[in-house]
Amino acid sequence: MTKENQEAKLNIDGKEYKMSDLSDNAKGQLKGLQAAEVEMKRLNVQLALAQTARNAYMHALQDELPAVK
């Protein structure tokens, strides 16, 4: 395997870029993008937890409501 085959690459919109060809600014933007994606995943987990808790509270509340005539 040659060094070129092992070099890290980035694929954006179907175009492949060698990481070594990216400017420092582009590498910084990439780090920001990766951080944003990690944060979005974390927030999605938090949202799923909140939705699960909301559903549990709703079911508990429904069990406590008096019967309607």
C-alpha atoms as a PDB file:
ATOM      1  CA  MET A   1       0.000   0.000   0.000  1.00  0.00           C
ATOM      2  CA  THR A   2       1.435   3.372  -0.965  1.00  0.00           C
ATOM      3  CA  LYS A   3       1.421   6.457   1.220  1.00  0.00           C
ATOM      4  CA  GLU A   4      -1.136   8.088  -1.117  1.00  0.00           C
ATOM      5  CA  ASN A   5      -3.640   5.287  -0.429  1.00  0.00           C
ATOM      6  CA  GLN A   6      -3.237   5.769   3.333  1.00  0.00           C
ATOM      7  CA  GLU A   7      -3.650   9.550   3.327  1.00  0.00           C
ATOM      8  CA  ALA A   8      -6.748  10.869   5.086  1.00  0.00           C
ATOM      9  CA  LYS A   9      -9.392  12.200   2.723  1.00  0.00           C
ATOM     10  CA  LEU A  10     -12.543  14.219   3.084  1.00  0.00           C
ATOM     11  CA  ASN A  11     -15.635  13.708   0.931  1.00  0.00           C
ATOM     12  CA  ILE A  12     -17.957  16.697   0.568  1.00  0.00           C
ATOM     13  CA  ASP A  13     -20.806  16.717  -1.963  1.00  0.00           C
ATOM     14  CA  GLY A  14     -19.295  13.761  -3.797  1.00  0.00           C
ATOM     15  CA  LYS A  15     -15.899  15.434  -4.165  1.00  0.00           C
ATOM     16  CA  GLU A  16     -12.833  13.975  -2.476  1.00  0.00           C
ATOM     17  CA  TYR A  17     -10.173  16.192  -0.912  1.00  0.00           C
ATOM     18  CA  LYS A  18      -6.837  15.212   0.609  1.00  0.00           C
ATOM     19  CA  MET A  19      -6.579  16.504   4.153  1.00  0.00           C
ATOM     20  CA  SER A  20      -3.030  17.660   3.413  1.00  0.00           C
ATOM     21  CA  ASP A  21      -4.389  19.929   0.660  1.00  0.00           C
ATOM     22  CA  LEU A  22      -6.760  21.788   3.005  1.00  0.00           C
ATOM     23  CA  SER A  23      -5.816  25.208   4.300  1.00  0.00           C
ATOM     24  CA  ASP A  24      -5.556  25.775   8.036  1.00  0.00           C
ATOM     25  CA  ASN A  25      -8.806  27.733   7.829  1.00  0.00           C
ATOM     26  CA  ALA A  26     -10.557  24.820   6.068  1.00  0.00           C
ATOM     27  CA  LYS A  27      -9.240  22.425   8.733  1.00  0.00           C
ATOM     28  CA  GLY A  28     -10.616  24.754  11.401  1.00  0.00           C
ATOM     29  CA  GLN A  29     -14.001  24.830   9.677  1.00  0.00           C
ATOM     30  CA  LEU A  30     -13.958  21.032   9.536  1.00  0.00           C
ATOM     31  CA  LYS A  31     -13.281  20.845  13.279  1.00  0.00           C
ATOM     32  CA  GLY A  32     -16.187  23.215  13.875  1.00  0.00           C
ATOM     33  CA  LEU A  33     -18.436  21.052  11.693  1.00  0.00           C
ATOM     34  CA  GLN A  34     -17.404  17.912  13.573  1.00  0.00           C
ATOM     35  CA  ALA A  35     -18.029  19.602  16.927  1.00  0.00           C
ATOM     36  CA  ALA A  36     -21.471  20.727  15.769  1.00  0.00           C
ATOM     37  CA  GLU A  37     -22.349  17.180  14.684  1.00  0.00           C
ATOM     38  CA  VAL A  38     -21.248  15.766  18.046  1.00  0.00           C
ATOM     39  CA  GLU A  39     -23.338  18.380  19.850  1.00  0.00           C
ATOM     40  CA  MET A  40     -26.377  17.620  17.672  1.00  0.00           C
ATOM     41  CA  LYS A  41     -26.095  13.914  18.520  1.00  0.00           C
ATOM     42  CA  ARG A  42     -25.832  14.762  22.227  1.00  0.00           C
ATOM     43  CA  LEU A  43     -28.875  17.016  22.018  1.00  0.00           C
ATOM     44  CA  ASN A  44     -30.861  14.342  20.182  1.00  0.00           C
ATOM     45  CA  VAL A  45     -30.141  11.929  23.038  1.00  0.00           C
ATOM     46  CA  GLN A  46     -31.266  14.584  25.538  1.00  0.00           C
ATOM     47  CA  LEU A  47     -34.441  15.156  23.512  1.00  0.00           C
ATOM     48  CA  ALA A  48     -35.195  11.423  23.460  1.00  0.00           C
ATOM     49  CA  LEU A  49     -34.757  11.292  27.247  1.00  0.00           C
ATOM     50  CA  ALA A  50     -37.059  14.278  27.741  1.00  0.00           C
ATOM     51  CA  GLN A  51     -39.690  12.783  25.435  1.00  0.00           C
ATOM     52  CA  THR A  52     -39.553   9.493  27.325  1.00  0.00           C
ATOM     53  CA  ALA A  53     -39.949  11.313  30.644  1.00  0.00           C
ATOM     54  CA  ARG A  54     -42.831  13.371  29.254  1.00  0.00           C
ATOM     55  CA  ASN A  55     -44.619  10.226  28.109  1.00  0.00           C
ATOM     56  CA  ALA A  56     -44.142   8.608  31.520  1.00  0.00           C
ATOM     57  CA  TYR A  57     -45.516  11.698  33.290  1.00  0.00           C
ATOM     58  CA  MET A  58     -48.487  11.802  30.913  1.00  0.00           C
ATOM     59  CA  HIS A  59     -49.340   8.159  31.585  1.00  0.00           C
ATOM     60  CA  ALA A  60     -48.959   8.664  35.345  1.00  0.00           C
ATOM     61  CA  LEU A  61     -51.196  11.739  35.193  1.00  0.00           C
ATOM     62  CA  GLN A  62     -53.826   9.893  33.178  1.00  0.00           C
ATOM     63  CA  ASP A  63     -53.854   7.146  35.794  1.00  0.00           C
ATOM     64  CA  GLU A  64     -54.508   9.753  38.517  1.00  0.00           C
ATOM     65  CA  LEU A  65     -57.308  11.659  36.788  1.00  0.00           C
ATOM     66  CA  PRO A  66     -60.848  11.085  38.018  1.00  0.00           C
ATOM     67  CA  ALA A  67     -63.277   9.358  35.725  1.00  0.00           C
ATOM     68  CA  VAL A  68     -65.324  11.738  33.574  1.00  0.00           C
ATOM     69  CA  LYS A  69     -69.049  11.106  33.434  1.00  0.00           C
END
